């Protein structure tokens, strides 16, 4: 075991300087002898430690190599801080899930989920108070004639400019229709919002509400 440690230290030793002059061993011969010893084809050669290493450092390295050889574990450098890999979920991997889960565990998990489930009972839609103004949806469902069909008599036939100006003061045709009904429409039209007399102000179209009511009735 000690010989193995010495060989490991020899492998880690720095390359000898080939600039040595007369009186020193030849570099090529030292290298061939060391490689033969590492391959097990020659006698182990004692390699002198570099001059910059002290005897205490060499002894510590030898003891560490012997301990690692006896334990059979290679020493590895600790990973730097902050480089740990984040585990990726394998819930979509059937093989991985089947290894740690079973039918019994799935049943138990389903039971716990059912116990935590909270059922919210449906409640009635609050009624619209009459004080909020005309209900344009109710008005749309109470009519059946199309847009543009005159249903009410209008006296002011030259209300084109006034009609466009007043309609632009509302942010939507729904608001215009609601204001039209609030001011006495569809029978009266004080602001010329409905010059053609169809009962729909500023191009308001009740078809969308009629179609929604029909679809809801068919869904039931």
N, C-alpha and C. Protein backbone atom coordinates (compact mmCIF):
# COMPACT_ATOMS: atom_id res chain seq x y z
N UNK A 1 0.82 -1.21 0.00
CA UNK A 1 0.00 0.00 0.00
C UNK A 1 0.85 1.25 0.00
N UNK A 2 1.96 1.21 0.79
CA UNK A 2 2.86 2.37 0.84
C UNK A 2 3.51 2.60 -0.51
N UNK A 3 3.85 1.49 -1.20
CA UNK A 3 4.43 1.62 -2.54
C UNK A 3 3.48 2.28 -3.51
N UNK A 4 2.13 1.95 -3.39
CA UNK A 4 1.14 2.57 -4.25
C UNK A 4 1.06 4.06 -4.03
N UNK A 5 1.12 4.47 -2.75
CA UNK A 5 1.08 5.89 -2.44
C UNK A 5 2.26 6.61 -3.01
N UNK A 6 3.45 5.97 -2.92
CA UNK A 6 4.67 6.60 -3.47
C UNK A 6 4.55 6.76 -4.97
N UNK A 7 3.95 5.72 -5.64
CA UNK A 7 3.79 5.81 -7.09
C UNK A 7 2.83 6.94 -7.47
N UNK A 8 1.74 7.11 -6.69
CA UNK A 8 0.79 8.19 -6.96
C UNK A 8 1.45 9.54 -6.80
N UNK A 9 2.30 9.67 -5.78
CA UNK A 9 3.01 10.93 -5.60
C UNK A 9 3.97 11.17 -6.74
N UNK A 10 4.58 10.08 -7.23
CA UNK A 10 5.50 10.24 -8.35
C UNK A 10 4.80 10.72 -9.60
N UNK A 11 3.55 10.26 -9.81
CA UNK A 11 2.80 10.69 -10.99
C UNK A 11 2.46 12.15 -10.92
N UNK A 12 2.23 12.67 -9.68
CA UNK A 12 1.84 14.07 -9.51
C UNK A 12 3.04 14.98 -9.45
N UNK A 13 4.24 14.42 -9.37
CA UNK A 13 5.44 15.26 -9.23
C UNK A 13 5.66 16.06 -10.48
N UNK A 14 6.28 17.20 -10.33
CA UNK A 14 6.57 18.06 -11.49
C UNK A 14 7.61 17.43 -12.38
N UNK A 15 7.58 17.81 -13.67
CA UNK A 15 8.52 17.29 -14.64
C UNK A 15 9.92 17.73 -14.29
N UNK A 16 10.91 16.83 -14.37
CA UNK A 16 12.28 17.22 -14.07
C UNK A 16 12.84 18.12 -15.14
N UNK A 17 13.76 18.91 -14.74
CA UNK A 17 14.38 19.88 -15.65
C UNK A 17 15.44 19.18 -16.47
N UNK A 18 15.28 19.23 -17.84
CA UNK A 18 16.24 18.55 -18.70
C UNK A 18 17.48 19.39 -18.93
N UNK A 19 17.54 20.51 -18.20
CA UNK A 19 18.72 21.37 -18.37
C UNK A 19 19.83 21.04 -17.40
N UNK A 20 19.65 19.88 -16.66
CA UNK A 20 20.69 19.51 -15.70
C UNK A 20 21.97 19.15 -16.44
N UNK A 21 23.09 19.53 -15.85
CA UNK A 21 24.37 19.31 -16.50
C UNK A 21 25.00 18.00 -16.12
N UNK A 22 26.29 17.93 -16.25
CA UNK A 22 27.05 16.72 -15.97
C UNK A 22 26.96 16.41 -14.49
N UNK A 23 26.78 15.14 -14.15
CA UNK A 23 26.68 14.72 -12.75
C UNK A 23 25.29 14.40 -12.31
N UNK A 24 24.24 14.73 -13.15
CA UNK A 24 22.84 14.43 -12.82
C UNK A 24 22.36 13.33 -13.75
N UNK A 25 21.28 12.59 -13.29
CA UNK A 25 20.75 11.50 -14.09
C UNK A 25 20.10 12.04 -15.34
N UNK A 26 20.14 11.19 -16.40
CA UNK A 26 19.57 11.60 -17.67
C UNK A 26 18.04 11.64 -17.59
N UNK A 27 17.37 12.69 -18.15
CA UNK A 27 15.92 12.86 -18.04
C UNK A 27 15.16 11.76 -18.75
N UNK A 28 15.60 11.37 -19.94
CA UNK A 28 14.90 10.33 -20.70
C UNK A 28 14.93 9.00 -19.97
N UNK A 29 16.03 8.68 -19.30
CA UNK A 29 16.12 7.42 -18.56
C UNK A 29 15.17 7.45 -17.36
N UNK A 30 15.14 8.58 -16.62
CA UNK A 30 14.22 8.69 -15.48
C UNK A 30 12.77 8.54 -15.91
N UNK A 31 12.41 9.14 -17.04
CA UNK A 31 11.02 9.07 -17.51
C UNK A 31 10.66 7.66 -17.93
N UNK A 32 11.57 6.95 -18.64
CA UNK A 32 11.28 5.58 -19.06
C UNK A 32 11.14 4.66 -17.86
N UNK A 33 11.99 4.85 -16.85
CA UNK A 33 11.89 4.01 -15.65
C UNK A 33 10.59 4.26 -14.91
N UNK A 34 10.15 5.52 -14.83
CA UNK A 34 8.90 5.82 -14.12
C UNK A 34 7.69 5.25 -14.84
N UNK A 35 7.64 5.38 -16.20
CA UNK A 35 6.53 4.81 -16.96
C UNK A 35 6.50 3.30 -16.86
N UNK A 36 7.65 2.65 -16.83
CA UNK A 36 7.69 1.20 -16.68
C UNK A 36 7.17 0.78 -15.32
N UNK A 37 7.50 1.55 -14.29
CA UNK A 37 7.00 1.23 -12.95
C UNK A 37 5.50 1.40 -12.88
N UNK A 38 4.95 2.44 -13.52
CA UNK A 38 3.50 2.66 -13.50
C UNK A 38 2.76 1.56 -14.25
N UNK A 39 3.34 1.03 -15.32
CA UNK A 39 2.70 -0.06 -16.07
C UNK A 39 2.91 -1.41 -15.41
N UNK A 40 3.71 -1.48 -14.39
CA UNK A 40 3.97 -2.75 -13.71
C UNK A 40 4.92 -3.64 -14.45
N UNK A 41 5.69 -3.06 -15.40
CA UNK A 41 6.62 -3.88 -16.19
C UNK A 41 8.05 -3.77 -15.70
N UNK A 42 8.26 -3.03 -14.65
CA UNK A 42 9.61 -2.89 -14.11
C UNK A 42 9.60 -2.74 -12.61
N UNK A 43 10.73 -2.58 -12.04
CA UNK A 43 10.82 -2.43 -10.61
C UNK A 43 10.38 -1.02 -10.24
N UNK A 44 9.66 -0.87 -9.13
CA UNK A 44 9.25 0.47 -8.71
C UNK A 44 10.48 1.33 -8.48
N UNK A 45 10.39 2.54 -9.00
CA UNK A 45 11.49 3.48 -8.87
C UNK A 45 11.13 4.53 -7.84
N UNK A 46 12.07 4.85 -7.03
CA UNK A 46 11.87 5.88 -6.03
C UNK A 46 12.08 7.23 -6.68
N UNK A 47 11.05 8.05 -6.64
CA UNK A 47 11.11 9.36 -7.27
C UNK A 47 11.29 10.40 -6.19
N UNK A 48 12.27 11.20 -6.30
CA UNK A 48 12.52 12.23 -5.31
C UNK A 48 11.48 13.32 -5.43
N UNK A 49 11.02 13.82 -4.33
CA UNK A 49 10.04 14.91 -4.36
C UNK A 49 10.68 16.18 -4.87
N UNK A 50 9.84 17.07 -5.41
CA UNK A 50 10.39 18.34 -5.87
C UNK A 50 11.06 19.10 -4.74
N UNK A 51 11.96 19.91 -5.09
CA UNK A 51 12.73 20.63 -4.08
C UNK A 51 11.87 21.59 -3.29
N UNK A 52 10.77 22.06 -3.92
CA UNK A 52 9.96 23.06 -3.22
C UNK A 52 9.04 22.46 -2.17
N UNK A 53 8.86 21.14 -2.11
CA UNK A 53 8.00 20.49 -1.13
C UNK A 53 8.84 20.06 0.07
N UNK A 54 8.31 20.29 1.28
CA UNK A 54 9.01 19.88 2.50
C UNK A 54 8.66 18.43 2.83
N UNK A 55 9.43 17.85 3.74
CA UNK A 55 9.17 16.47 4.15
C UNK A 55 7.81 16.35 4.84
N UNK A 56 7.40 17.36 5.57
CA UNK A 56 6.10 17.31 6.25
C UNK A 56 4.96 17.26 5.24
N UNK A 57 5.07 18.04 4.13
CA UNK A 57 4.03 18.01 3.10
C UNK A 57 3.97 16.68 2.40
N UNK A 58 5.15 16.08 2.13
CA UNK A 58 5.18 14.79 1.47
C UNK A 58 4.57 13.73 2.36
N UNK A 59 4.83 13.77 3.64
CA UNK A 59 4.26 12.78 4.57
C UNK A 59 2.75 12.91 4.64
N UNK A 60 2.26 14.16 4.67
CA UNK A 60 0.81 14.37 4.72
C UNK A 60 0.13 13.85 3.46
N UNK A 61 0.72 14.09 2.29
CA UNK A 61 0.15 13.58 1.04
C UNK A 61 0.17 12.07 1.00
N UNK A 62 1.23 11.48 1.49
CA UNK A 62 1.31 10.02 1.50
C UNK A 62 0.27 9.41 2.41
N UNK A 63 0.08 10.01 3.59
CA UNK A 63 -0.94 9.49 4.51
C UNK A 63 -2.33 9.62 3.91
N UNK A 64 -2.59 10.73 3.24
CA UNK A 64 -3.90 10.91 2.61
C UNK A 64 -4.14 9.91 1.49
N UNK A 65 -3.11 9.64 0.68
CA UNK A 65 -3.26 8.66 -0.40
C UNK A 65 -3.50 7.26 0.15
N UNK A 66 -2.79 6.91 1.24
CA UNK A 66 -2.98 5.59 1.84
C UNK A 66 -4.39 5.45 2.40
N UNK A 67 -4.86 6.50 3.09
CA UNK A 67 -6.21 6.44 3.65
C UNK A 67 -7.26 6.32 2.56
N UNK A 68 -7.08 7.04 1.45
CA UNK A 68 -8.04 6.95 0.35
C UNK A 68 -8.02 5.56 -0.28
N UNK A 69 -6.83 4.97 -0.41
CA UNK A 69 -6.75 3.63 -1.00
C UNK A 69 -7.40 2.59 -0.11
N UNK A 70 -7.23 2.73 1.21
CA UNK A 70 -7.83 1.76 2.12
C UNK A 70 -9.35 1.87 2.16
N UNK A 71 -9.86 3.10 2.10
CA UNK A 71 -11.32 3.27 2.16
C UNK A 71 -11.99 3.00 0.83
N UNK A 72 -11.22 3.05 -0.29
CA UNK A 72 -11.79 2.78 -1.61
C UNK A 72 -12.62 3.90 -2.15
N UNK A 73 -12.48 5.09 -1.58
CA UNK A 73 -13.27 6.23 -2.02
C UNK A 73 -12.32 7.29 -2.54
N UNK A 74 -12.63 7.83 -3.70
CA UNK A 74 -11.83 8.90 -4.29
C UNK A 74 -12.29 10.22 -3.74
N UNK A 75 -11.34 11.06 -3.37
CA UNK A 75 -11.69 12.37 -2.85
C UNK A 75 -12.09 13.27 -3.99
N UNK A 76 -13.14 14.02 -3.79
CA UNK A 76 -13.64 14.93 -4.82
C UNK A 76 -13.81 16.30 -4.22
N UNK A 77 -13.58 17.30 -5.01
CA UNK A 77 -13.72 18.67 -4.54
C UNK A 77 -15.19 19.00 -4.34
N UNK A 78 -15.45 19.74 -3.27
CA UNK A 78 -16.83 20.13 -2.99
C UNK A 78 -17.31 21.11 -4.04
N UNK A 79 -18.56 21.00 -4.48
CA UNK A 79 -19.06 21.93 -5.51
C UNK A 79 -19.12 23.34 -4.96
N UNK A 80 -18.90 24.32 -5.79
CA UNK A 80 -18.96 25.70 -5.31
C UNK A 80 -20.36 26.06 -4.87
N UNK A 81 -20.41 27.02 -3.97
CA UNK A 81 -21.68 27.44 -3.40
C UNK A 81 -22.52 28.09 -4.49
N UNK A 82 -23.82 27.75 -4.52
CA UNK A 82 -24.74 28.36 -5.48
C UNK A 82 -24.83 27.65 -6.81
N UNK A 83 -24.16 26.49 -6.95
CA UNK A 83 -24.20 25.78 -8.23
C UNK A 83 -25.04 24.52 -8.15
N UNK A 84 -25.80 24.34 -7.07
CA UNK A 84 -26.64 23.15 -6.94
C UNK A 84 -27.74 23.18 -8.00
N UNK A 85 -27.99 22.03 -8.60
CA UNK A 85 -29.00 21.93 -9.65
C UNK A 85 -30.39 21.82 -9.02
N UNK A 86 -31.34 22.52 -9.59
CA UNK A 86 -32.72 22.47 -9.12
C UNK A 86 -33.40 21.25 -9.73
N UNK A 87 -34.03 20.45 -8.87
CA UNK A 87 -34.68 19.23 -9.33
C UNK A 87 -35.88 19.58 -10.21
N UNK A 88 -36.04 18.84 -11.30
CA UNK A 88 -37.15 19.04 -12.22
C UNK A 88 -38.25 18.02 -11.89
N UNK A 89 -39.49 18.50 -11.88
CA UNK A 89 -40.60 17.62 -11.54
C UNK A 89 -40.72 16.49 -12.56
N UNK A 90 -40.97 15.29 -12.05
CA UNK A 90 -41.12 14.12 -12.91
C UNK A 90 -42.54 13.57 -12.86
N UNK A 91 -43.51 14.47 -12.58
CA UNK A 91 -44.89 14.02 -12.47
C UNK A 91 -45.43 13.48 -13.79
N UNK A 92 -44.83 13.91 -14.92
CA UNK A 92 -45.27 13.43 -16.22
C UNK A 92 -44.56 12.15 -16.65
N UNK A 93 -43.62 11.69 -15.85
CA UNK A 93 -42.87 10.47 -16.16
C UNK A 93 -43.59 9.28 -15.52
N UNK A 94 -44.25 8.47 -16.33
CA UNK A 94 -45.04 7.36 -15.79
C UNK A 94 -44.16 6.37 -15.04
N UNK A 95 -42.96 6.10 -15.55
CA UNK A 95 -42.08 5.15 -14.89
C UNK A 95 -41.64 5.62 -13.53
N UNK A 96 -41.27 6.93 -13.43
CA UNK A 96 -40.82 7.45 -12.14
C UNK A 96 -41.95 7.50 -11.13
N UNK A 97 -43.13 7.88 -11.59
CA UNK A 97 -44.27 7.96 -10.66
C UNK A 97 -44.70 6.57 -10.21
N UNK A 98 -44.69 5.60 -11.11
CA UNK A 98 -45.12 4.25 -10.75
C UNK A 98 -44.17 3.59 -9.75
N UNK A 99 -42.92 4.03 -9.72
CA UNK A 99 -41.98 3.45 -8.78
C UNK A 99 -42.25 3.88 -7.34
N UNK A 100 -42.74 5.10 -7.17
CA UNK A 100 -42.95 5.60 -5.81
C UNK A 100 -44.43 5.67 -5.41
N UNK A 101 -45.33 5.49 -6.39
CA UNK A 101 -46.75 5.55 -6.09
C UNK A 101 -47.38 4.18 -6.35
N UNK A 102 -48.50 3.97 -5.72
CA UNK A 102 -49.24 2.72 -5.90
C UNK A 102 -50.72 3.05 -5.97
N UNK A 103 -51.53 2.03 -6.23
CA UNK A 103 -52.97 2.26 -6.28
C UNK A 103 -53.49 2.71 -4.93
N UNK A 104 -52.92 2.13 -3.86
CA UNK A 104 -53.36 2.49 -2.51
C UNK A 104 -53.00 3.94 -2.18
N UNK A 105 -51.77 4.36 -2.55
CA UNK A 105 -51.37 5.73 -2.25
C UNK A 105 -52.18 6.73 -3.07
N UNK A 106 -52.50 6.38 -4.32
CA UNK A 106 -53.33 7.26 -5.13
C UNK A 106 -54.73 7.38 -4.54
N UNK A 107 -55.26 6.29 -4.06
CA UNK A 107 -56.58 6.32 -3.45
C UNK A 107 -56.58 7.16 -2.19
N UNK A 108 -55.51 7.07 -1.40
CA UNK A 108 -55.43 7.85 -0.18
C UNK A 108 -55.30 9.34 -0.49
N UNK A 109 -54.51 9.67 -1.50
CA UNK A 109 -54.37 11.07 -1.88
C UNK A 109 -55.68 11.62 -2.42
N UNK A 110 -56.42 10.82 -3.20
CA UNK A 110 -57.71 11.26 -3.71
C UNK A 110 -58.70 11.48 -2.56
N UNK A 111 -58.63 10.61 -1.56
CA UNK A 111 -59.53 10.76 -0.42
C UNK A 111 -59.25 12.07 0.33
N UNK A 112 -57.96 12.39 0.51
CA UNK A 112 -57.61 13.64 1.20
C UNK A 112 -58.05 14.86 0.40
N UNK A 113 -57.93 14.78 -0.92
CA UNK A 113 -58.37 15.89 -1.76
C UNK A 113 -59.88 16.08 -1.69
N UNK A 114 -60.61 14.99 -1.62
CA UNK A 114 -62.06 15.10 -1.53
C UNK A 114 -62.50 15.67 -0.19
N UNK A 115 -61.74 15.36 0.87
CA UNK A 115 -62.07 15.93 2.18
C UNK A 115 -61.83 17.43 2.22
N UNK A 116 -60.85 17.90 1.46
CA UNK A 116 -60.54 19.33 1.46
C UNK A 116 -61.40 20.12 0.48
N UNK A 117 -62.16 19.45 -0.35
CA UNK A 117 -62.98 20.14 -1.34
C UNK A 117 -64.12 20.89 -0.67
N UNK A 118 -64.35 22.09 -1.11
CA UNK A 118 -65.43 22.92 -0.56
C UNK A 118 -66.43 23.19 -1.68
N UNK A 119 -67.65 22.81 -1.48
CA UNK A 119 -68.70 23.02 -2.47
C UNK A 119 -69.43 24.33 -2.16
N UNK A 120 -69.55 25.16 -3.17
CA UNK A 120 -70.23 26.44 -3.03
C UNK A 120 -71.61 26.31 -3.66
N UNK A 121 -72.62 26.47 -2.86
CA UNK A 121 -73.99 26.35 -3.35
C UNK A 121 -74.36 27.57 -4.19
N UNK A 122 -75.02 27.37 -5.31
CA UNK A 122 -75.43 28.53 -6.13
C UNK A 122 -76.50 29.35 -5.43
N UNK A 123 -76.43 30.62 -5.65
CA UNK A 123 -77.40 31.54 -5.06
C UNK A 123 -78.15 32.26 -6.18
N UNK A 124 -79.29 32.79 -5.82
CA UNK A 124 -80.12 33.49 -6.80
C UNK A 124 -79.46 34.80 -7.21
N UNK A 125 -79.63 35.16 -8.46
CA UNK A 125 -79.11 36.43 -8.96
C UNK A 125 -79.90 37.57 -8.32
N UNK A 126 -79.21 38.56 -7.78
CA UNK A 126 -79.94 39.67 -7.13
C UNK A 126 -80.82 40.40 -8.12
N UNK A 127 -81.96 40.81 -7.67
CA UNK A 127 -82.90 41.52 -8.53
C UNK A 127 -82.43 42.96 -8.75
N UNK A 128 -82.68 43.44 -9.93
CA UNK A 128 -82.30 44.81 -10.26
C UNK A 128 -83.33 45.77 -9.68
N UNK A 129 -82.89 46.68 -8.84
CA UNK A 129 -83.88 47.62 -8.26
C UNK A 129 -84.40 48.58 -9.32
N UNK A 130 -85.63 49.01 -9.15
CA UNK A 130 -86.25 49.90 -10.12
C UNK A 130 -85.63 51.29 -10.11
N UNK A 131 -84.96 51.66 -9.03
CA UNK A 131 -84.42 53.01 -8.90
C UNK A 131 -83.15 53.23 -9.73
N UNK A 132 -82.61 52.18 -10.33
CA UNK A 132 -81.38 52.32 -11.10
C UNK A 132 -81.63 52.83 -12.51
N UNK A 133 -82.84 52.94 -12.93
CA UNK A 133 -83.13 53.46 -14.26
C UNK A 133 -83.71 52.39 -15.16
N UNK A 134 -83.97 52.72 -16.42
CA UNK A 134 -84.59 51.78 -17.35
C UNK A 134 -83.70 50.55 -17.59
N UNK A 135 -84.34 49.44 -17.82
CA UNK A 135 -83.65 48.18 -18.10
C UNK A 135 -83.69 47.95 -19.61
N UNK A 136 -82.57 48.20 -20.26
CA UNK A 136 -82.54 48.09 -21.71
C UNK A 136 -82.65 46.64 -22.17
N UNK A 137 -82.23 45.68 -21.32
CA UNK A 137 -82.36 44.27 -21.70
C UNK A 137 -83.84 43.88 -21.72
N UNK A 138 -84.55 44.31 -20.70
CA UNK A 138 -85.98 44.02 -20.65
C UNK A 138 -86.71 44.69 -21.81
N UNK A 139 -86.26 45.89 -22.15
CA UNK A 139 -86.89 46.59 -23.28
C UNK A 139 -86.59 45.85 -24.60
N UNK A 140 -85.36 45.35 -24.76
CA UNK A 140 -85.01 44.63 -25.98
C UNK A 140 -85.85 43.37 -26.13
N UNK A 141 -86.09 42.66 -25.03
CA UNK A 141 -86.88 41.44 -25.11
C UNK A 141 -88.37 41.70 -25.27
N UNK A 142 -88.79 42.93 -24.96
CA UNK A 142 -90.21 43.27 -25.12
C UNK A 142 -90.55 43.73 -26.53
N UNK A 143 -89.54 43.90 -27.36
CA UNK A 143 -89.75 44.34 -28.74
C UNK A 143 -89.38 43.20 -29.70
N UNK A 144 -89.86 43.32 -30.93
CA UNK A 144 -89.57 42.29 -31.93
C UNK A 144 -89.29 42.88 -33.30
N UNK A 145 -89.51 44.16 -33.51
CA UNK A 145 -89.30 44.75 -34.83
C UNK A 145 -87.81 45.04 -35.02
N UNK A 146 -87.35 45.03 -36.26
CA UNK A 146 -85.93 45.24 -36.53
C UNK A 146 -85.55 46.71 -36.46
N UNK A 147 -84.23 46.93 -36.49
CA UNK A 147 -83.71 48.30 -36.48
C UNK A 147 -84.07 48.98 -37.81
N UNK A 148 -84.54 50.23 -37.71
CA UNK A 148 -84.89 51.01 -38.90
C UNK A 148 -86.37 51.00 -39.24
N UNK A 149 -87.12 50.12 -38.64
CA UNK A 149 -88.56 50.08 -38.92
C UNK A 149 -89.26 51.11 -38.03
N UNK A 150 -89.94 52.10 -38.66
CA UNK A 150 -90.56 53.16 -37.89
C UNK A 150 -91.76 52.63 -37.12
N UNK A 151 -91.75 52.94 -35.83
CA UNK A 151 -92.83 52.53 -34.95
C UNK A 151 -93.46 53.73 -34.25
N UNK A 152 -92.75 54.85 -34.24
CA UNK A 152 -93.22 56.04 -33.53
C UNK A 152 -93.06 57.26 -34.44
N UNK A 153 -94.00 58.18 -34.30
CA UNK A 153 -94.03 59.36 -35.15
C UNK A 153 -93.05 60.40 -34.63
N UNK A 154 -92.25 60.95 -35.55
CA UNK A 154 -91.30 62.00 -35.19
C UNK A 154 -91.65 63.25 -36.01
N UNK A 155 -91.70 64.40 -35.32
CA UNK A 155 -92.08 65.64 -35.96
C UNK A 155 -90.87 66.38 -36.53
N UNK A 156 -89.71 66.30 -35.89
CA UNK A 156 -88.54 67.04 -36.32
C UNK A 156 -87.79 66.23 -37.38
N UNK A 157 -88.01 66.54 -38.66
CA UNK A 157 -87.38 65.81 -39.74
C UNK A 157 -85.97 66.32 -40.05
N UNK A 158 -85.61 67.50 -39.59
CA UNK A 158 -84.30 68.09 -39.86
C UNK A 158 -83.42 68.01 -38.62
N UNK A 159 -83.38 66.85 -38.00
CA UNK A 159 -82.62 66.69 -36.75
C UNK A 159 -81.33 65.94 -36.97
N UNK A 160 -80.80 65.93 -38.21
CA UNK A 160 -79.60 65.14 -38.49
C UNK A 160 -78.39 65.60 -37.70
N UNK A 161 -78.04 66.90 -37.78
CA UNK A 161 -76.87 67.43 -37.08
C UNK A 161 -77.03 67.33 -35.57
N UNK A 162 -78.22 67.63 -35.09
CA UNK A 162 -78.47 67.54 -33.65
C UNK A 162 -78.39 66.11 -33.16
N UNK A 163 -78.87 65.18 -34.00
CA UNK A 163 -78.82 63.76 -33.64
C UNK A 163 -77.37 63.28 -33.48
N UNK A 164 -76.51 63.61 -34.44
CA UNK A 164 -75.11 63.18 -34.36
C UNK A 164 -74.40 63.81 -33.17
N UNK A 165 -74.65 65.10 -32.91
CA UNK A 165 -73.99 65.79 -31.80
C UNK A 165 -74.41 65.19 -30.46
N UNK A 166 -75.66 64.92 -30.28
CA UNK A 166 -76.13 64.40 -28.99
C UNK A 166 -75.70 62.94 -28.80
N UNK A 167 -75.65 62.17 -29.87
CA UNK A 167 -75.22 60.77 -29.71
C UNK A 167 -73.75 60.68 -29.34
N UNK A 168 -72.94 61.63 -29.83
CA UNK A 168 -71.51 61.62 -29.49
C UNK A 168 -71.26 61.93 -28.02
N UNK A 169 -72.23 62.46 -27.32
CA UNK A 169 -72.04 62.77 -25.89
C UNK A 169 -72.15 61.54 -25.00
N UNK A 170 -72.52 60.39 -25.57
CA UNK A 170 -72.62 59.14 -24.79
C UNK A 170 -71.47 58.21 -25.17
N UNK A 171 -70.94 57.53 -24.18
CA UNK A 171 -69.79 56.67 -24.42
C UNK A 171 -70.14 55.39 -25.15
N UNK A 172 -71.41 54.97 -25.14
CA UNK A 172 -71.82 53.75 -25.83
C UNK A 172 -73.28 53.89 -26.23
N UNK A 173 -73.68 53.04 -27.17
CA UNK A 173 -75.08 53.08 -27.60
C UNK A 173 -76.01 52.55 -26.51
N UNK A 174 -75.51 51.69 -25.62
CA UNK A 174 -76.34 51.23 -24.50
C UNK A 174 -76.69 52.39 -23.58
N UNK A 175 -75.69 53.25 -23.28
CA UNK A 175 -75.97 54.42 -22.43
C UNK A 175 -76.92 55.39 -23.13
N UNK A 176 -76.77 55.51 -24.43
CA UNK A 176 -77.68 56.39 -25.16
C UNK A 176 -79.11 55.84 -25.12
N UNK A 177 -79.27 54.54 -25.27
CA UNK A 177 -80.61 53.94 -25.22
C UNK A 177 -81.21 54.07 -23.84
N UNK A 178 -80.39 53.91 -22.81
CA UNK A 178 -80.90 54.05 -21.45
C UNK A 178 -81.35 55.48 -21.18
N UNK A 179 -80.56 56.47 -21.63
CA UNK A 179 -80.96 57.87 -21.46
C UNK A 179 -82.20 58.18 -22.28
N UNK A 180 -82.31 57.59 -23.47
CA UNK A 180 -83.48 57.79 -24.33
C UNK A 180 -84.75 57.30 -23.63
N UNK A 181 -84.69 56.14 -23.01
CA UNK A 181 -85.85 55.61 -22.30
C UNK A 181 -86.15 56.43 -21.05
N UNK A 182 -85.11 56.92 -20.38
CA UNK A 182 -85.32 57.70 -19.17
C UNK A 182 -86.02 59.03 -19.46
N UNK A 183 -85.78 59.57 -20.64
CA UNK A 183 -86.36 60.88 -20.99
C UNK A 183 -87.70 60.77 -21.73
N UNK A 184 -88.32 59.59 -21.63
CA UNK A 184 -89.67 59.46 -22.20
C UNK A 184 -89.73 58.61 -23.44
N UNK A 185 -88.61 58.05 -23.89
CA UNK A 185 -88.63 57.18 -25.05
C UNK A 185 -89.32 55.85 -24.73
N UNK A 186 -89.76 55.15 -25.73
CA UNK A 186 -89.59 55.47 -27.16
C UNK A 186 -90.66 56.40 -27.74
N UNK A 187 -91.72 56.70 -26.93
CA UNK A 187 -92.78 57.54 -27.48
C UNK A 187 -92.31 58.96 -27.71
N UNK A 188 -91.47 59.50 -26.87
CA UNK A 188 -91.01 60.89 -26.99
C UNK A 188 -89.49 60.88 -27.23
N UNK A 189 -89.03 61.84 -28.00
CA UNK A 189 -87.61 61.93 -28.33
C UNK A 189 -87.18 63.40 -28.24
N UNK A 190 -86.85 63.84 -27.03
CA UNK A 190 -86.53 65.24 -26.79
C UNK A 190 -85.17 65.64 -27.36
N UNK A 191 -84.22 64.74 -27.42
CA UNK A 191 -82.87 65.08 -27.87
C UNK A 191 -82.56 64.57 -29.27
N UNK A 192 -83.55 64.16 -30.01
CA UNK A 192 -83.36 63.68 -31.38
C UNK A 192 -82.39 62.51 -31.42
N UNK A 193 -82.50 61.61 -30.45
CA UNK A 193 -81.67 60.41 -30.43
C UNK A 193 -82.23 59.32 -31.33
N UNK A 194 -83.52 59.43 -31.66
CA UNK A 194 -84.17 58.41 -32.49
C UNK A 194 -84.95 59.10 -33.60
N UNK A 195 -84.28 59.69 -34.56
CA UNK A 195 -85.01 60.46 -35.59
C UNK A 195 -85.84 59.59 -36.53
N UNK A 196 -85.47 58.33 -36.71
CA UNK A 196 -86.25 57.49 -37.63
C UNK A 196 -87.45 56.84 -36.95
N UNK A 197 -87.59 56.97 -35.61
CA UNK A 197 -88.78 56.50 -34.92
C UNK A 197 -88.87 55.00 -34.74
N UNK A 198 -87.72 54.27 -34.79
CA UNK A 198 -87.80 52.82 -34.58
C UNK A 198 -87.73 52.44 -33.10
N UNK A 199 -87.54 53.44 -32.24
CA UNK A 199 -87.49 53.17 -30.80
C UNK A 199 -86.10 52.80 -30.31
N UNK A 200 -85.12 52.88 -31.17
CA UNK A 200 -83.74 52.53 -30.80
C UNK A 200 -82.86 53.75 -31.00
N UNK A 201 -82.23 54.21 -29.96
CA UNK A 201 -81.46 55.45 -29.99
C UNK A 201 -80.03 55.22 -30.45
N UNK A 202 -79.55 56.14 -31.31
CA UNK A 202 -78.13 56.19 -31.71
C UNK A 202 -77.63 54.85 -32.26
N UNK A 203 -78.45 54.19 -33.05
CA UNK A 203 -78.04 52.94 -33.66
C UNK A 203 -78.01 51.75 -32.73
N UNK A 204 -78.64 51.87 -31.58
CA UNK A 204 -78.67 50.74 -30.64
C UNK A 204 -79.41 49.57 -31.26
N UNK A 205 -78.88 48.34 -31.09
CA UNK A 205 -79.45 47.14 -31.71
C UNK A 205 -79.81 46.13 -30.62
N UNK A 206 -81.08 45.80 -30.47
CA UNK A 206 -81.49 44.85 -29.43
C UNK A 206 -81.26 43.39 -29.82
N UNK A 207 -80.75 43.14 -31.02
CA UNK A 207 -80.62 41.75 -31.49
C UNK A 207 -79.70 40.94 -30.60
N UNK A 208 -78.62 41.54 -30.11
CA UNK A 208 -77.65 40.79 -29.31
C UNK A 208 -78.30 40.25 -28.05
N UNK A 209 -79.18 41.00 -27.45
CA UNK A 209 -79.86 40.54 -26.23
C UNK A 209 -80.91 39.50 -26.55
N UNK A 210 -81.57 39.64 -27.66
CA UNK A 210 -82.57 38.64 -28.06
C UNK A 210 -81.88 37.30 -28.34
N UNK A 211 -80.75 37.33 -29.03
CA UNK A 211 -80.03 36.09 -29.33
C UNK A 211 -79.50 35.43 -28.06
N UNK A 212 -79.05 36.23 -27.11
CA UNK A 212 -78.56 35.66 -25.85
C UNK A 212 -79.69 34.99 -25.08
N UNK A 213 -80.84 35.61 -25.07
CA UNK A 213 -81.98 35.01 -24.36
C UNK A 213 -82.43 33.73 -25.03
N UNK A 214 -82.42 33.70 -26.37
CA UNK A 214 -82.80 32.49 -27.09
C UNK A 214 -81.83 31.35 -26.83
N UNK A 215 -80.52 31.65 -26.83
CA UNK A 215 -79.52 30.62 -26.56
C UNK A 215 -79.63 30.07 -25.15
N UNK A 216 -79.92 30.95 -24.19
CA UNK A 216 -80.08 30.49 -22.80
C UNK A 216 -81.29 29.60 -22.66
N UNK A 217 -82.39 29.94 -23.36
CA UNK A 217 -83.59 29.11 -23.29
C UNK A 217 -83.37 27.76 -23.93
N UNK A 218 -82.62 27.69 -25.03
CA UNK A 218 -82.35 26.42 -25.68
C UNK A 218 -81.39 25.55 -24.85
N UNK A 219 -80.49 26.20 -24.11
CA UNK A 219 -79.57 25.44 -23.27
C UNK A 219 -80.26 24.77 -22.11
N UNK A 220 -81.36 25.30 -21.66
CA UNK A 220 -82.10 24.67 -20.57
C UNK A 220 -82.83 23.42 -21.06
